[in-house]
């Protein structure tokens, strides 16, 4: 993924980059609401955000961003 992508995801979801890092590292599980918001922005299934392994989640994110060029949605302002 491009540099800064994770920061954009965290900003869209209104969480800190550290919290997103903890979710990606499986140190924390996202709430149901956060999982839906993450799915909305990344197009990665909310089930994967909650129950997937770190490797599955990273692979799905990389595929989502590779398949759609420079990312999924633009940050809405």
PDB file of N, CA and C in Angstrom:
ATOM      1  N   UNK A   1       0.836  -1.177   0.000  1.00  0.00           N
ATOM      2  CA  UNK A   1       0.000   0.000   0.000  1.00  0.00           C
ATOM      3  C   UNK A   1       0.884   1.245   0.000  1.00  0.00           C
ATOM      4  N   UNK A   2       0.320   2.305  -0.527  1.00  0.00           N
ATOM      5  CA  UNK A   2       1.064   3.555  -0.582  1.00  0.00           C
ATOM      6  C   UNK A   2       1.285   4.134   0.812  1.00  0.00           C
ATOM      7  N   UNK A   3       2.346   4.879   0.918  1.00  0.00           N
ATOM      8  CA  UNK A   3       2.660   5.548   2.190  1.00  0.00           C
ATOM      9  C   UNK A   3       1.514   6.496   2.558  1.00  0.00           C
ATOM     10  N   UNK A   4       1.088   6.465   3.786  1.00  0.00           N
ATOM     11  CA  UNK A   4       0.021   7.347   4.238  1.00  0.00           C
ATOM     12  C   UNK A   4      -1.371   6.760   4.124  1.00  0.00           C
ATOM     13  N   UNK A   5      -1.507   5.609   3.480  1.00  0.00           N
ATOM     14  CA  UNK A   5      -2.823   5.005   3.289  1.00  0.00           C
ATOM     15  C   UNK A   5      -3.464   4.652   4.621  1.00  0.00           C
ATOM     16  N   UNK A   6      -2.711   4.052   5.519  1.00  0.00           N
ATOM     17  CA  UNK A   6      -3.268   3.665   6.813  1.00  0.00           C
ATOM     18  C   UNK A   6      -3.697   4.893   7.617  1.00  0.00           C
ATOM     19  N   UNK A   7      -2.950   5.969   7.472  1.00  0.00           N
ATOM     20  CA  UNK A   7      -3.328   7.211   8.153  1.00  0.00           C
ATOM     21  C   UNK A   7      -4.655   7.730   7.592  1.00  0.00           C
ATOM     22  N   UNK A   8      -4.849   7.625   6.279  1.00  0.00           N
ATOM     23  CA  UNK A   8      -6.108   8.046   5.660  1.00  0.00           C
ATOM     24  C   UNK A   8      -7.269   7.191   6.145  1.00  0.00           C
ATOM     25  N   UNK A   9      -7.046   5.893   6.267  1.00  0.00           N
ATOM     26  CA  UNK A   9      -8.095   5.000   6.763  1.00  0.00           C
ATOM     27  C   UNK A   9      -8.457   5.385   8.193  1.00  0.00           C
ATOM     28  N   UNK A  10      -7.451   5.599   9.027  1.00  0.00           N
ATOM     29  CA  UNK A  10      -7.691   5.971  10.432  1.00  0.00           C
ATOM     30  C   UNK A  10      -8.451   7.294  10.514  1.00  0.00           C
ATOM     31  N   UNK A  11      -8.078   8.252   9.692  1.00  0.00           N
ATOM     32  CA  UNK A  11      -8.752   9.552   9.698  1.00  0.00           C
ATOM     33  C   UNK A  11     -10.212   9.400   9.301  1.00  0.00           C
ATOM     34  N   UNK A  12     -10.479   8.630   8.251  1.00  0.00           N
ATOM     35  CA  UNK A  12     -11.848   8.410   7.800  1.00  0.00           C
ATOM     36  C   UNK A  12     -12.685   7.763   8.909  1.00  0.00           C
ATOM     37  N   UNK A  13     -12.091   6.817   9.618  1.00  0.00           N
ATOM     38  CA  UNK A  13     -12.807   6.082  10.669  1.00  0.00           C
ATOM     39  C   UNK A  13     -12.842   6.832  11.997  1.00  0.00           C
ATOM     40  N   UNK A  14     -12.173   7.955  12.053  1.00  0.00           N
ATOM     41  CA  UNK A  14     -12.112   8.774  13.263  1.00  0.00           C
ATOM     42  C   UNK A  14     -11.511   8.014  14.446  1.00  0.00           C
ATOM     43  N   UNK A  15     -10.417   7.321  14.132  1.00  0.00           N
ATOM     44  CA  UNK A  15      -9.635   6.650  15.166  1.00  0.00           C
ATOM     45  C   UNK A  15      -8.189   7.084  14.991  1.00  0.00           C
ATOM     46  N   UNK A  16      -7.367   6.790  15.970  1.00  0.00           N
ATOM     47  CA  UNK A  16      -5.957   7.141  15.853  1.00  0.00           C
ATOM     48  C   UNK A  16      -5.239   6.110  14.986  1.00  0.00           C
ATOM     49  N   UNK A  17      -4.160   6.530  14.342  1.00  0.00           N
ATOM     50  CA  UNK A  17      -3.367   5.547  13.593  1.00  0.00           C
ATOM     51  C   UNK A  17      -2.881   4.401  14.483  1.00  0.00           C
ATOM     52  N   UNK A  18      -2.605   4.689  15.762  1.00  0.00           N
ATOM     53  CA  UNK A  18      -2.172   3.634  16.688  1.00  0.00           C
ATOM     54  C   UNK A  18      -3.274   2.601  16.904  1.00  0.00           C
ATOM     55  N   UNK A  19      -4.511   3.064  17.035  1.00  0.00           N
ATOM     56  CA  UNK A  19      -5.626   2.133  17.218  1.00  0.00           C
ATOM     57  C   UNK A  19      -5.764   1.245  15.979  1.00  0.00           C
ATOM     58  N   UNK A  20      -5.660   1.845  14.779  1.00  0.00           N
ATOM     59  CA  UNK A  20      -5.729   1.050  13.556  1.00  0.00           C
ATOM     60  C   UNK A  20      -4.583   0.047  13.507  1.00  0.00           C
ATOM     61  N   UNK A  21      -3.402   0.473  13.915  1.00  0.00           N
ATOM     62  CA  UNK A  21      -2.264  -0.431  13.964  1.00  0.00           C
ATOM     63  C   UNK A  21      -2.529  -1.600  14.907  1.00  0.00           C
ATOM     64  N   UNK A  22      -3.149  -1.323  16.043  1.00  0.00           N
ATOM     65  CA  UNK A  22      -3.491  -2.384  16.995  1.00  0.00           C
ATOM     66  C   UNK A  22      -4.516  -3.349  16.411  1.00  0.00           C
ATOM     67  N   UNK A  23      -5.469  -2.827  15.650  1.00  0.00           N
ATOM     68  CA  UNK A  23      -6.468  -3.683  14.999  1.00  0.00           C
ATOM     69  C   UNK A  23      -5.791  -4.548  13.940  1.00  0.00           C
ATOM     70  N   UNK A  24      -4.931  -3.934  13.126  1.00  0.00           N
ATOM     71  CA  UNK A  24      -4.225  -4.691  12.085  1.00  0.00           C
ATOM     72  C   UNK A  24      -3.288  -5.739  12.676  1.00  0.00           C
ATOM     73  N   UNK A  25      -2.692  -5.418  13.803  1.00  0.00           N
ATOM     74  CA  UNK A  25      -1.776  -6.347  14.472  1.00  0.00           C
ATOM     75  C   UNK A  25      -2.490  -7.376  15.330  1.00  0.00           C
ATOM     76  N   UNK A  26      -3.830  -7.289  15.376  1.00  0.00           N
ATOM     77  CA  UNK A  26      -4.697  -8.195  16.127  1.00  0.00           C
ATOM     78  C   UNK A  26      -4.485  -8.088  17.635  1.00  0.00           C
ATOM     79  N   UNK A  27      -3.931  -6.952  18.080  1.00  0.00           N
ATOM     80  CA  UNK A  27      -3.822  -6.710  19.518  1.00  0.00           C
ATOM     81  C   UNK A  27      -5.153  -6.247  20.087  1.00  0.00           C
ATOM     82  N   UNK A  28      -5.995  -5.674  19.218  1.00  0.00           N
ATOM     83  CA  UNK A  28      -7.347  -5.249  19.594  1.00  0.00           C
ATOM     84  C   UNK A  28      -8.304  -5.683  18.504  1.00  0.00           C
ATOM     85  N   UNK A  29      -9.544  -5.967  18.895  1.00  0.00           N
ATOM     86  CA  UNK A  29     -10.592  -6.255  17.916  1.00  0.00           C
ATOM     87  C   UNK A  29     -11.423  -4.998  17.736  1.00  0.00           C
ATOM     88  N   UNK A  30     -11.828  -4.715  16.501  1.00  0.00           N
ATOM     89  CA  UNK A  30     -12.654  -3.530  16.295  1.00  0.00           C
ATOM     90  C   UNK A  30     -14.067  -3.761  16.810  1.00  0.00           C
ATOM     91  N   UNK A  31     -14.702  -2.675  17.229  1.00  0.00           N
ATOM     92  CA  UNK A  31     -16.117  -2.766  17.608  1.00  0.00           C
ATOM     93  C   UNK A  31     -16.926  -3.060  16.345  1.00  0.00           C
ATOM     94  N   UNK A  32     -18.171  -3.444  16.527  1.00  0.00           N
ATOM     95  CA  UNK A  32     -19.038  -3.715  15.378  1.00  0.00           C
ATOM     96  C   UNK A  32     -19.166  -2.470  14.508  1.00  0.00           C
ATOM     97  N   UNK A  33     -19.343  -1.331  15.128  1.00  0.00           N
ATOM     98  CA  UNK A  33     -19.484  -0.066  14.377  1.00  0.00           C
ATOM     99  C   UNK A  33     -18.206   0.250  13.604  1.00  0.00           C
ATOM    100  N   UNK A  34     -17.062   0.074  14.240  1.00  0.00           N
ATOM    101  CA  UNK A  34     -15.793   0.339  13.561  1.00  0.00           C
ATOM    102  C   UNK A  34     -15.581  -0.641  12.408  1.00  0.00           C
ATOM    103  N   UNK A  35     -15.930  -1.901  12.600  1.00  0.00           N
ATOM    104  CA  UNK A  35     -15.784  -2.897  11.531  1.00  0.00           C
ATOM    105  C   UNK A  35     -16.613  -2.506  10.312  1.00  0.00           C
ATOM    106  N   UNK A  36     -17.819  -1.994  10.529  1.00  0.00           N
ATOM    107  CA  UNK A  36     -18.675  -1.551   9.422  1.00  0.00           C
ATOM    108  C   UNK A  36     -18.037  -0.355   8.723  1.00  0.00           C
ATOM    109  N   UNK A  37     -17.511   0.588   9.484  1.00  0.00           N
ATOM    110  CA  UNK A  37     -16.871   1.768   8.898  1.00  0.00           C
ATOM    111  C   UNK A  37     -15.624   1.376   8.108  1.00  0.00           C
ATOM    112  N   UNK A  38     -14.841   0.449   8.646  1.00  0.00           N
ATOM    113  CA  UNK A  38     -13.658  -0.037   7.935  1.00  0.00           C
ATOM    114  C   UNK A  38     -14.048  -0.730   6.634  1.00  0.00           C
ATOM    115  N   UNK A  39     -15.117  -1.508   6.673  1.00  0.00           N
ATOM    116  CA  UNK A  39     -15.599  -2.175   5.463  1.00  0.00           C
ATOM    117  C   UNK A  39     -16.045  -1.145   4.434  1.00  0.00           C
ATOM    118  N   UNK A  40     -16.723  -0.115   4.899  1.00  0.00           N
ATOM    119  CA  UNK A  40     -17.213   0.952   4.030  1.00  0.00           C
ATOM    120  C   UNK A  40     -16.060   1.621   3.284  1.00  0.00           C
ATOM    121  N   UNK A  41     -14.985   1.888   3.973  1.00  0.00           N
ATOM    122  CA  UNK A  41     -13.861   2.605   3.371  1.00  0.00           C
ATOM    123  C   UNK A  41     -12.964   1.705   2.542  1.00  0.00           C
ATOM    124  N   UNK A  42     -12.716   0.476   3.012  1.00  0.00           N
ATOM    125  CA  UNK A  42     -11.717  -0.381   2.369  1.00  0.00           C
ATOM    126  C   UNK A  42     -12.296  -1.452   1.460  1.00  0.00           C
ATOM    127  N   UNK A  43     -13.576  -1.733   1.569  1.00  0.00           N
ATOM    128  CA  UNK A  43     -14.260  -2.823   0.871  1.00  0.00           C
ATOM    129  C   UNK A  43     -13.788  -4.210   1.322  1.00  0.00           C
ATOM    130  N   UNK A  44     -13.104  -4.276   2.450  1.00  0.00           N
ATOM    131  CA  UNK A  44     -12.719  -5.550   3.060  1.00  0.00           C
ATOM    132  C   UNK A  44     -13.832  -5.919   4.044  1.00  0.00           C
ATOM    133  N   UNK A  45     -14.305  -7.135   3.953  1.00  0.00           N
ATOM    134  CA  UNK A  45     -15.435  -7.603   4.757  1.00  0.00           C
ATOM    135  C   UNK A  45     -15.289  -7.308   6.241  1.00  0.00           C
ATOM    136  N   UNK A  46     -16.391  -6.874   6.846  1.00  0.00           N
ATOM    137  CA  UNK A  46     -16.383  -6.610   8.299  1.00  0.00           C
ATOM    138  C   UNK A  46     -16.090  -7.881   9.084  1.00  0.00           C
ATOM    139  N   UNK A  47     -16.499  -9.027   8.549  1.00  0.00           N
ATOM    140  CA  UNK A  47     -16.214 -10.308   9.221  1.00  0.00           C
ATOM    141  C   UNK A  47     -14.704 -10.542   9.277  1.00  0.00           C
ATOM    142  N   UNK A  48     -14.016 -10.184   8.211  1.00  0.00           N
ATOM    143  CA  UNK A  48     -12.567 -10.346   8.188  1.00  0.00           C
ATOM    144  C   UNK A  48     -11.905  -9.380   9.169  1.00  0.00           C
ATOM    145  N   UNK A  49     -12.439  -8.157   9.276  1.00  0.00           N
ATOM    146  CA  UNK A  49     -11.893  -7.193  10.231  1.00  0.00           C
ATOM    147  C   UNK A  49     -12.009  -7.718  11.665  1.00  0.00           C
ATOM    148  N   UNK A  50     -13.098  -8.407  11.966  1.00  0.00           N
ATOM    149  CA  UNK A  50     -13.308  -8.877  13.338  1.00  0.00           C
ATOM    150  C   UNK A  50     -12.647 -10.228  13.582  1.00  0.00           C
ATOM    151  N   UNK A  51     -12.788 -11.158  12.653  1.00  0.00           N
ATOM    152  CA  UNK A  51     -12.373 -12.540  12.914  1.00  0.00           C
ATOM    153  C   UNK A  51     -11.162 -13.013  12.128  1.00  0.00           C
ATOM    154  N   UNK A  52     -10.724 -12.279  11.126  1.00  0.00           N
ATOM    155  CA  UNK A  52      -9.621 -12.735  10.288  1.00  0.00           C
ATOM    156  C   UNK A  52      -8.279 -12.655  10.989  1.00  0.00           C
ATOM    157  N   UNK A  53      -7.337 -13.408  10.480  1.00  0.00           N
ATOM    158  CA  UNK A  53      -5.976 -13.350  11.020  1.00  0.00           C
ATOM    159  C   UNK A  53      -5.273 -12.113  10.471  1.00  0.00           C
ATOM    160  N   UNK A  54      -4.155 -11.801  11.064  1.00  0.00           N
ATOM    161  CA  UNK A  54      -3.384 -10.638  10.620  1.00  0.00           C
ATOM    162  C   UNK A  54      -2.974 -10.797   9.157  1.00  0.00           C
ATOM    163  N   UNK A  55      -2.554 -11.993   8.777  1.00  0.00           N
ATOM    164  CA  UNK A  55      -2.117 -12.248   7.411  1.00  0.00           C
ATOM    165  C   UNK A  55      -3.280 -12.113   6.424  1.00  0.00           C
ATOM    166  N   UNK A  56      -4.442 -12.669   6.781  1.00  0.00           N
ATOM    167  CA  UNK A  56      -5.615 -12.571   5.904  1.00  0.00           C
ATOM    168  C   UNK A  56      -6.038 -11.119   5.708  1.00  0.00           C
ATOM    169  N   UNK A  57      -6.000 -10.361   6.775  1.00  0.00           N
ATOM    170  CA  UNK A  57      -6.403  -8.961   6.731  1.00  0.00           C
ATOM    171  C   UNK A  57      -5.445  -8.146   5.871  1.00  0.00           C
ATOM    172  N   UNK A  58      -4.166  -8.322   6.071  1.00  0.00           N
ATOM    173  CA  UNK A  58      -3.166  -7.602   5.264  1.00  0.00           C
ATOM    174  C   UNK A  58      -3.295  -7.954   3.783  1.00  0.00           C
ATOM    175  N   UNK A  59      -3.469  -9.243   3.492  1.00  0.00           N
ATOM    176  CA  UNK A  59      -3.612  -9.676   2.102  1.00  0.00           C
ATOM    177  C   UNK A  59      -4.852  -9.063   1.463  1.00  0.00           C
ATOM    178  N   UNK A  60      -5.966  -9.065   2.183  1.00  0.00           N
ATOM    179  CA  UNK A  60      -7.208  -8.487   1.660  1.00  0.00           C
ATOM    180  C   UNK A  60      -7.057  -6.990   1.412  1.00  0.00           C
ATOM    181  N   UNK A  61      -6.387  -6.284   2.307  1.00  0.00           N
ATOM    182  CA  UNK A  61      -6.166  -4.846   2.117  1.00  0.00           C
ATOM    183  C   UNK A  61      -5.281  -4.586   0.901  1.00  0.00           C
ATOM    184  N   UNK A  62      -4.211  -5.349   0.775  1.00  0.00           N
ATOM    185  CA  UNK A  62      -3.327  -5.163  -0.371  1.00  0.00           C
ATOM    186  C   UNK A  62      -4.052  -5.470  -1.677  1.00  0.00           C
ATOM    187  N   UNK A  63      -4.866  -6.520  -1.684  1.00  0.00           N
ATOM    188  CA  UNK A  63      -5.633  -6.847  -2.886  1.00  0.00           C
ATOM    189  C   UNK A  63      -6.650  -5.760  -3.209  1.00  0.00           C
ATOM    190  N   UNK A  64      -7.319  -5.253  -2.200  1.00  0.00           N
ATOM    191  CA  UNK A  64      -8.320  -4.205  -2.415  1.00  0.00           C
ATOM    192  C   UNK A  64      -7.664  -2.960  -2.997  1.00  0.00           C
ATOM    193  N   UNK A  65      -6.494  -2.603  -2.510  1.00  0.00           N
ATOM    194  CA  UNK A  65      -5.829  -1.407  -3.003  1.00  0.00           C
ATOM    195  C   UNK A  65      -5.144  -1.646  -4.332  1.00  0.00           C
ATOM    196  N   UNK A  66      -4.624  -2.854  -4.576  1.00  0.00           N
ATOM    197  CA  UNK A  66      -4.002  -3.171  -5.866  1.00  0.00           C
ATOM    198  C   UNK A  66      -5.045  -3.233  -6.970  1.00  0.00           C
ATOM    199  N   UNK A  67      -6.204  -3.823  -6.681  1.00  0.00           N
ATOM    200  CA  UNK A  67      -7.244  -4.008  -7.693  1.00  0.00           C
ATOM    201  C   UNK A  67      -7.944  -2.718  -8.076  1.00  0.00           C
ATOM    202  N   UNK A  68      -7.880  -1.733  -7.226  1.00  0.00           N
ATOM    203  CA  UNK A  68      -8.604  -0.500  -7.499  1.00  0.00           C
ATOM    204  C   UNK A  68      -7.679   0.680  -7.705  1.00  0.00           C
ATOM    205  N   UNK A  69      -6.470   0.395  -8.130  1.00  0.00           N
ATOM    206  CA  UNK A  69      -5.547   1.485  -8.446  1.00  0.00           C
ATOM    207  C   UNK A  69      -4.979   2.121  -7.204  1.00  0.00           C
ATOM    208  N   UNK A  70      -5.287   3.387  -7.008  1.00  0.00           N
ATOM    209  CA  UNK A  70      -4.655   4.145  -5.939  1.00  0.00           C
ATOM    210  C   UNK A  70      -5.424   4.060  -4.620  1.00  0.00           C
ATOM    211  N   UNK A  71      -6.390   3.207  -4.509  1.00  0.00           N
ATOM    212  CA  UNK A  71      -7.131   3.088  -3.265  1.00  0.00           C
ATOM    213  C   UNK A  71      -8.593   2.907  -3.552  1.00  0.00           C
ATOM    214  N   UNK A  72      -9.374   2.847  -2.540  1.00  0.00           N
ATOM    215  CA  UNK A  72     -10.799   2.618  -2.726  1.00  0.00           C
ATOM    216  C   UNK A  72     -11.505   3.954  -2.828  1.00  0.00           C
ATOM    217  N   UNK A  73     -11.955   4.485  -1.773  1.00  0.00           N
ATOM    218  CA  UNK A  73     -12.694   5.731  -1.816  1.00  0.00           C
ATOM    219  C   UNK A  73     -11.781   6.894  -1.454  1.00  0.00           C
ATOM    220  N   UNK A  74     -12.096   8.033  -2.005  1.00  0.00           N
ATOM    221  CA  UNK A  74     -11.401   9.237  -1.576  1.00  0.00           C
ATOM    222  C   UNK A  74     -11.964   9.646  -0.225  1.00  0.00           C
ATOM    223  N   UNK A  75     -11.139  10.260   0.565  1.00  0.00           N
ATOM    224  CA  UNK A  75     -11.576  10.728   1.873  1.00  0.00           C
ATOM    225  C   UNK A  75     -12.621  11.815   1.691  1.00  0.00           C
ATOM    226  N   UNK A  76     -13.827  11.577   2.207  1.00  0.00           N
ATOM    227  CA  UNK A  76     -14.891  12.574   2.045  1.00  0.00           C
ATOM    228  C   UNK A  76     -14.700  13.697   3.039  1.00  0.00           C
ATOM    229  N   UNK A  77     -14.919  14.895   2.571  1.00  0.00           N
ATOM    230  CA  UNK A  77     -14.705  16.052   3.427  1.00  0.00           C
ATOM    231  C   UNK A  77     -15.970  16.828   3.586  1.00  0.00           C
TER     232      UNK A  77
END
